[in-house]
Amino acid sequence: MTIDTHPSTGTAAAVRSEPDWTARRDRHRAAADELLAGHLRRRAARQAHPVHDFLFTYYNHRPNQLRRWHPGFGVVLLGDATREYRDHPAYERVVVDGQPGVTVSRRAALDRLGTVEFVRDLLAATASRPPQLGCFGLHEWAMVYRTDDSGVRHNAVPLRLGHDGTDAVVESLQLRCTHYDAFRFFTPDAAPRNAETLTRRTQIDREQPGCLHAGMDLYKWCYKLSPLIESDLLLDCFRHARAARELDMRASPYDLSEYGYSPITIETAAGRAQYVREQSALTTRAAALRQELLNRCTALAACLTDTQITTGG
């Protein structure tokens, strides 16, 4: 296919020369390798990590997938080096001024339209609400409320206050979780203590921008939309998810001193104030990333819907 306009959008093609895009790819790989180094060392040594393993178990984007650079939908890559994408099912081959190239195909994008629209709507709804900063990270406490050692999720790590002390904290504070994918892991005794019952069906009505996990999930939405979303944004969202996970676990009931983490003692007024300060800083960062991803999803949905109408689907 020879193009003057992008085959998926019908607009002027964003064309990247081989030296340009391979430099971007190499920078991405170097940054990803730096972020992944600790995890890969521990994995090779079969060493578990109660904080960072979550980024590769709950979030199921594999390290080699994170390393792979994608330019995003609407970009044409030129040059012989594009052979690494030629057999990728989401890409199609093109020719620009006699040079071979590749781009994410219209069909691959249309296949993801439902996901694009869901993510757009969820992010827009989340961004429309004021942040709530009064949960104090109690979801991790609610996940071990009234359990014994066999019921503790991170059972290789001791509870900082023991079982009785952990239960007492949950009973002294109101659970205000707004994130279904945290709430669904509450123990049976903890779930009724939450301010409201959360369901998957009402997720879009409850997500709010102060929630650490809503910010962490920006990484999930990026990789679920890959390769439509460029890898620079994916990596930024991964960095944010890692920072949010660290705050999440520092405020948890676990004693993580062996791993170099000082606790945020949310059972005290000073600890709760510290948590809110750090939560607020992450909320600001998440808002910027959420808006970037929302802008891309909005543009993608509009482009794909217009293309469907123009071409008859």
Protein backbone atom coordinates (compact mmCIF):
# COMPACT_ATOMS: atom_id res chain seq x y z
CA MET A 1 0.00 0.00 0.00
CA THR A 2 1.39 3.43 -0.96
CA ILE A 3 0.07 6.28 1.18
CA ASP A 4 -0.12 10.05 1.36
CA THR A 5 -2.69 9.86 4.14
CA HIS A 6 -2.78 7.43 7.02
CA PRO A 7 -4.72 4.30 5.97
CA SER A 8 -6.61 4.11 9.26
CA THR A 9 -7.48 7.76 9.82
CA GLY A 10 -7.65 9.29 6.36
CA THR A 11 -5.66 12.26 7.67
CA ALA A 12 -2.10 13.29 6.90
CA ALA A 13 0.17 10.47 7.99
CA ALA A 14 2.55 10.99 10.95
CA VAL A 15 5.64 9.44 9.43
CA ARG A 16 8.78 8.61 11.42
CA SER A 17 12.06 7.95 9.66
CA GLU A 18 14.12 4.94 10.68
CA PRO A 19 16.74 6.95 12.62
CA ASP A 20 13.97 8.80 14.48
CA TRP A 21 11.85 5.86 15.55
CA THR A 22 14.69 3.46 16.29
CA ALA A 23 16.21 6.08 18.63
CA ARG A 24 12.84 6.36 20.39
CA ARG A 25 12.61 2.58 20.58
CA ASP A 26 16.09 2.27 22.04
CA ARG A 27 15.43 4.95 24.67
CA HIS A 28 12.26 3.14 25.67
CA ARG A 29 14.04 -0.19 26.00
CA ALA A 30 16.80 1.34 28.12
CA ALA A 31 14.27 2.98 30.43
CA ALA A 32 12.23 -0.23 30.70
CA ASP A 33 15.34 -2.29 31.42
CA GLU A 34 16.24 0.05 34.27
CA LEU A 35 12.75 -0.26 35.76
CA LEU A 36 12.68 -4.03 35.33
CA ALA A 37 16.19 -4.88 36.51
CA GLY A 38 15.33 -5.54 40.16
CA HIS A 39 12.30 -7.66 39.33
CA LEU A 40 14.18 -9.76 36.79
CA ARG A 41 17.05 -10.38 39.23
CA ARG A 42 14.62 -11.50 41.92
CA ARG A 43 12.67 -13.65 39.50
CA ALA A 44 15.84 -15.43 38.39
CA ALA A 45 16.72 -16.04 42.05
CA ARG A 46 13.10 -17.02 42.87
CA GLN A 47 12.89 -14.29 45.48
CA ALA A 48 9.43 -12.89 46.19
CA HIS A 49 8.86 -9.19 46.84
CA PRO A 50 5.62 -8.21 48.64
CA VAL A 51 5.53 -4.74 47.08
CA HIS A 52 6.77 -4.94 43.50
CA ASP A 53 5.63 -8.43 42.47
CA PHE A 54 2.08 -7.04 42.40
CA LEU A 55 3.01 -5.06 39.29
CA PHE A 56 3.62 -8.33 37.42
CA THR A 57 1.04 -10.65 39.00
CA TYR A 58 -2.13 -8.60 39.48
CA TYR A 59 -1.15 -6.61 36.41
CA ASN A 60 -0.45 -9.27 33.82
CA HIS A 61 1.66 -7.33 31.35
CA ARG A 62 4.89 -9.30 31.07
CA PRO A 63 8.34 -7.67 31.26
CA ASN A 64 9.13 -8.46 27.63
CA GLN A 65 5.85 -6.81 26.62
CA LEU A 66 6.71 -3.70 28.63
CA ARG A 67 10.09 -3.54 26.87
CA ARG A 68 8.54 -3.57 23.41
CA TRP A 69 8.09 -0.11 21.95
CA HIS A 70 4.98 0.85 19.99
CA PRO A 71 4.46 4.27 18.34
CA GLY A 72 0.69 4.24 18.82
CA PHE A 73 -2.19 4.41 16.39
CA GLY A 74 -1.87 6.82 13.47
CA VAL A 75 1.94 6.67 13.13
CA VAL A 76 3.86 5.17 10.20
CA LEU A 77 7.34 3.76 10.79
CA LEU A 78 9.73 3.59 7.83
CA GLY A 79 12.85 1.61 7.01
CA ASP A 80 14.18 -1.91 6.89
CA ALA A 81 14.18 -2.13 10.71
CA THR A 82 10.38 -2.29 10.61
CA ARG A 83 10.75 -5.99 9.85
CA GLU A 84 10.41 -6.56 13.62
CA TYR A 85 6.77 -5.43 13.28
CA ARG A 86 5.86 -6.97 9.93
CA ASP A 87 4.54 -10.20 11.39
CA HIS A 88 2.78 -8.53 14.31
CA PRO A 89 -0.97 -9.18 13.87
CA ALA A 90 -1.89 -5.57 14.72
CA TYR A 91 0.34 -4.01 12.07
CA GLU A 92 0.05 -3.72 8.31
CA ARG A 93 2.74 -3.01 5.74
CA VAL A 94 2.81 0.28 3.82
CA VAL A 95 5.10 2.06 1.38
CA VAL A 96 5.91 5.77 1.54
CA ASP A 97 8.00 7.32 -1.25
CA GLY A 98 9.33 3.90 -2.13
CA GLN A 99 10.34 3.07 1.44
CA PRO A 100 8.87 0.07 3.25
CA GLY A 101 6.99 0.82 6.43
CA VAL A 102 4.43 -0.40 8.93
CA THR A 103 1.53 1.06 10.88
CA VAL A 104 -1.12 -0.19 13.28
CA SER A 105 -3.94 -1.38 11.07
CA ARG A 106 -7.44 0.02 10.97
CA ARG A 107 -8.85 -3.46 11.57
CA ALA A 108 -6.76 -3.95 14.71
CA ALA A 109 -7.99 -0.60 15.99
CA LEU A 110 -11.63 -1.32 15.19
CA ASP A 111 -11.36 -4.62 17.02
CA ARG A 112 -10.56 -2.64 20.18
CA LEU A 113 -13.21 0.04 19.75
CA GLY A 114 -15.39 -1.32 22.55
CA THR A 115 -12.46 -1.25 24.98
CA VAL A 116 -11.47 2.23 23.84
CA GLU A 117 -14.98 3.53 24.50
CA PHE A 118 -15.20 1.82 27.91
CA VAL A 119 -11.86 3.26 29.03
CA ARG A 120 -12.81 6.71 27.70
CA ASP A 121 -16.08 6.69 29.61
CA LEU A 122 -14.50 5.38 32.83
CA LEU A 123 -11.68 7.93 32.77
CA ALA A 124 -14.05 10.79 31.97
CA ALA A 125 -16.37 9.81 34.82
CA THR A 126 -13.46 9.48 37.25
CA ALA A 127 -11.97 12.83 36.24
CA SER A 128 -15.34 14.58 36.66
CA ARG A 129 -15.44 13.94 40.42
CA PRO A 130 -13.57 15.67 43.24
CA PRO A 131 -10.84 13.52 44.81
CA GLN A 132 -11.70 11.82 48.08
CA LEU A 133 -8.68 11.61 50.37
CA GLY A 134 -10.16 10.02 53.47
CA CYS A 135 -9.66 6.29 52.88
CA PHE A 136 -6.17 6.19 54.50
CA GLY A 137 -5.27 3.06 52.54
CA LEU A 138 -7.46 0.90 54.76
CA HIS A 139 -8.29 -1.51 51.94
CA GLU A 140 -5.15 -3.54 52.71
CA TRP A 141 -6.24 -3.75 56.34
CA ALA A 142 -9.74 -4.83 55.29
CA MET A 143 -8.22 -7.67 53.27
CA VAL A 144 -6.85 -9.30 56.45
CA TYR A 145 -9.57 -8.25 58.91
CA ARG A 146 -10.50 -11.07 61.28
CA THR A 147 -8.23 -13.64 59.64
CA ASP A 148 -5.57 -15.92 61.01
CA ASP A 149 -2.13 -16.41 59.48
CA SER A 150 -3.53 -18.68 56.77
CA GLY A 151 -5.79 -15.90 55.52
CA VAL A 152 -3.13 -13.21 55.21
CA ARG A 153 -2.38 -12.34 51.58
CA HIS A 154 1.33 -11.63 52.17
CA ASN A 155 1.85 -14.34 54.73
CA ALA A 156 5.65 -14.21 54.47
CA VAL A 157 5.55 -10.69 55.95
CA PRO A 158 4.47 -10.10 59.57
CA LEU A 159 1.59 -7.85 60.51
CA ARG A 160 3.03 -4.75 62.16
CA LEU A 161 0.36 -4.66 64.90
CA GLY A 162 -0.52 -8.35 64.93
CA HIS A 163 -3.99 -9.69 64.19
CA ASP A 164 -5.76 -8.11 67.15
CA GLY A 165 -4.14 -4.73 66.61
CA THR A 166 -4.97 -4.82 62.90
CA ASP A 167 -8.61 -5.65 63.61
CA ALA A 168 -8.80 -2.83 66.15
CA VAL A 169 -7.64 -0.28 63.56
CA VAL A 170 -10.31 -1.42 61.09
CA GLU A 171 -12.96 -1.15 63.79
CA SER A 172 -11.82 2.33 64.86
CA LEU A 173 -11.98 3.92 61.40
CA GLN A 174 -14.63 4.08 58.67
CA LEU A 175 -13.85 2.04 55.55
CA ARG A 176 -14.40 4.34 52.56
CA CYS A 177 -13.13 2.32 49.62
CA THR A 178 -14.49 3.40 46.20
CA HIS A 179 -12.55 0.95 44.02
CA TYR A 180 -14.30 -2.32 43.24
CA ASP A 181 -11.09 -4.21 42.43
CA ALA A 182 -9.83 -3.53 45.93
CA PHE A 183 -13.21 -4.02 47.61
CA ARG A 184 -13.67 -7.47 46.09
CA PHE A 185 -10.71 -8.72 48.15
CA PHE A 186 -12.16 -7.55 51.48
CA THR A 187 -12.76 -10.34 53.96
CA PRO A 188 -16.43 -11.30 54.52
CA ASP A 189 -16.38 -9.50 57.86
CA ALA A 190 -14.83 -6.34 56.40
CA ALA A 191 -17.06 -5.88 53.35
CA PRO A 192 -20.20 -4.84 55.30
CA ARG A 193 -18.14 -2.22 57.14
CA ASN A 194 -17.45 -0.29 53.92
CA ALA A 195 -19.39 2.94 53.45
CA GLU A 196 -21.08 1.43 50.39
CA THR A 197 -21.29 -1.91 48.65
CA LEU A 198 -19.35 -1.87 45.39
CA THR A 199 -20.03 -3.96 42.29
CA ARG A 200 -18.49 -4.27 38.85
CA ARG A 201 -21.71 -2.91 37.37
CA THR A 202 -21.44 0.34 39.35
CA GLN A 203 -17.68 0.78 38.85
CA ILE A 204 -18.07 3.71 36.49
CA ASP A 205 -20.36 5.43 39.01
CA ARG A 206 -17.96 5.09 41.94
CA GLU A 207 -14.39 5.55 40.68
CA GLN A 208 -12.86 8.80 41.91
CA PRO A 209 -9.48 10.42 41.23
CA GLY A 210 -8.14 10.35 44.80
CA CYS A 211 -8.07 6.55 44.80
CA LEU A 212 -4.55 5.13 44.56
CA HIS A 213 -5.78 2.09 42.69
CA ALA A 214 -7.68 4.14 40.13
CA GLY A 215 -4.37 5.86 39.41
CA MET A 216 -2.49 2.58 39.29
CA ASP A 217 -5.01 1.19 36.84
CA LEU A 218 -4.04 3.80 34.26
CA TYR A 219 -1.16 1.41 33.56
CA LYS A 220 -3.63 -1.44 33.04
CA TRP A 221 -5.76 0.55 30.62
CA CYS A 222 -2.67 1.53 28.63
CA TYR A 223 -1.47 -2.02 28.15
CA LYS A 224 -4.95 -3.33 27.45
CA LEU A 225 -5.09 -0.85 24.56
CA SER A 226 -1.60 -1.68 23.29
CA PRO A 227 -0.43 -1.13 20.58
CA LEU A 228 -2.95 1.67 19.99
CA ILE A 229 -1.36 3.71 22.81
CA GLU A 230 2.26 4.79 22.49
CA SER A 231 4.75 3.17 24.81
CA ASP A 232 6.01 6.45 26.28
CA LEU A 233 2.66 6.93 28.02
CA LEU A 234 2.56 3.26 29.02
CA LEU A 235 5.94 3.58 30.73
CA ASP A 236 4.92 6.79 32.50
CA CYS A 237 1.83 5.01 33.84
CA PHE A 238 3.96 2.06 34.96
CA ARG A 239 6.23 4.43 36.90
CA HIS A 240 3.18 5.96 38.53
CA ALA A 241 1.75 2.54 39.40
CA ARG A 242 5.03 1.59 41.06
CA ALA A 243 5.07 4.76 43.18
CA ALA A 244 1.42 4.29 44.16
CA ARG A 245 2.04 0.67 45.08
CA GLU A 246 4.87 1.70 47.39
CA LEU A 247 2.62 4.19 49.21
CA ASP A 248 -0.14 1.58 49.30
CA MET A 249 2.08 -0.92 51.08
CA ARG A 250 3.82 1.55 53.39
CA ALA A 251 0.35 2.40 54.73
CA SER A 252 -0.62 -1.27 54.94
CA PRO A 253 -0.70 -3.40 58.09
CA TYR A 254 2.49 -5.22 57.05
CA ASP A 255 5.95 -4.75 58.55
CA LEU A 256 8.10 -4.10 55.48
CA SER A 257 11.19 -2.83 57.28
CA GLU A 258 13.16 -5.83 55.97
CA TYR A 259 12.54 -4.48 52.46
CA GLY A 260 13.58 -0.93 53.30
CA TYR A 261 10.13 0.62 53.68
CA SER A 262 9.28 2.78 56.66
CA PRO A 263 5.62 2.49 57.70
CA ILE A 264 3.00 5.20 57.44
CA THR A 265 1.20 4.66 60.72
CA ILE A 266 -2.35 5.37 59.66
CA GLU A 267 -3.56 4.24 63.09
CA THR A 268 -2.28 7.63 64.34
CA ALA A 269 -3.40 11.14 63.44
CA ALA A 270 0.12 12.03 62.28
CA GLY A 271 0.25 8.94 60.07
CA ARG A 272 -3.11 9.71 58.50
CA ALA A 273 -1.98 13.27 57.76
CA GLN A 274 1.20 11.94 56.13
CA TYR A 275 -0.81 9.51 54.04
CA VAL A 276 -3.13 12.25 52.79
CA ARG A 277 -0.15 14.45 51.81
CA GLU A 278 1.46 11.68 49.79
CA GLN A 279 -1.87 10.53 48.37
CA SER A 280 -2.60 14.09 47.25
CA ALA A 281 0.73 14.36 45.40
CA LEU A 282 0.06 11.10 43.58
CA THR A 283 -3.49 12.22 42.80
CA THR A 284 -2.11 15.29 41.02
CA ARG A 285 0.26 13.18 38.96
CA ALA A 286 -2.45 10.65 38.15
CA ALA A 287 -4.76 13.45 36.98
CA ALA A 288 -2.25 14.53 34.33
CA LEU A 289 -1.73 10.96 33.12
CA ARG A 290 -5.48 10.28 33.15
CA GLN A 291 -6.08 13.34 31.00
CA GLU A 292 -3.40 12.26 28.52
CA LEU A 293 -4.92 8.80 28.19
CA LEU A 294 -8.45 10.21 28.05
CA ASN A 295 -7.43 12.55 25.22
CA ARG A 296 -6.04 9.62 23.25
CA CYS A 297 -9.09 7.44 23.84
CA THR A 298 -11.44 10.27 22.88
CA ALA A 299 -9.54 10.93 19.65
CA LEU A 300 -9.31 7.22 18.87
CA ALA A 301 -13.02 6.63 19.43
CA ALA A 302 -13.96 9.63 17.28
CA CYS A 303 -11.60 8.59 14.49
CA LEU A 304 -12.71 4.96 14.47
CA THR A 305 -16.39 5.82 14.67
CA ASP A 306 -16.04 8.29 11.79
CA THR A 307 -14.12 5.67 9.81
CA GLN A 308 -16.84 3.09 10.42
CA ILE A 309 -19.53 5.50 9.22
CA THR A 310 -17.50 6.58 6.18
CA THR A 311 -16.63 3.05 5.10
CA GLY A 312 -19.81 1.36 6.19
CA GLY A 313 -18.02 -0.49 9.01
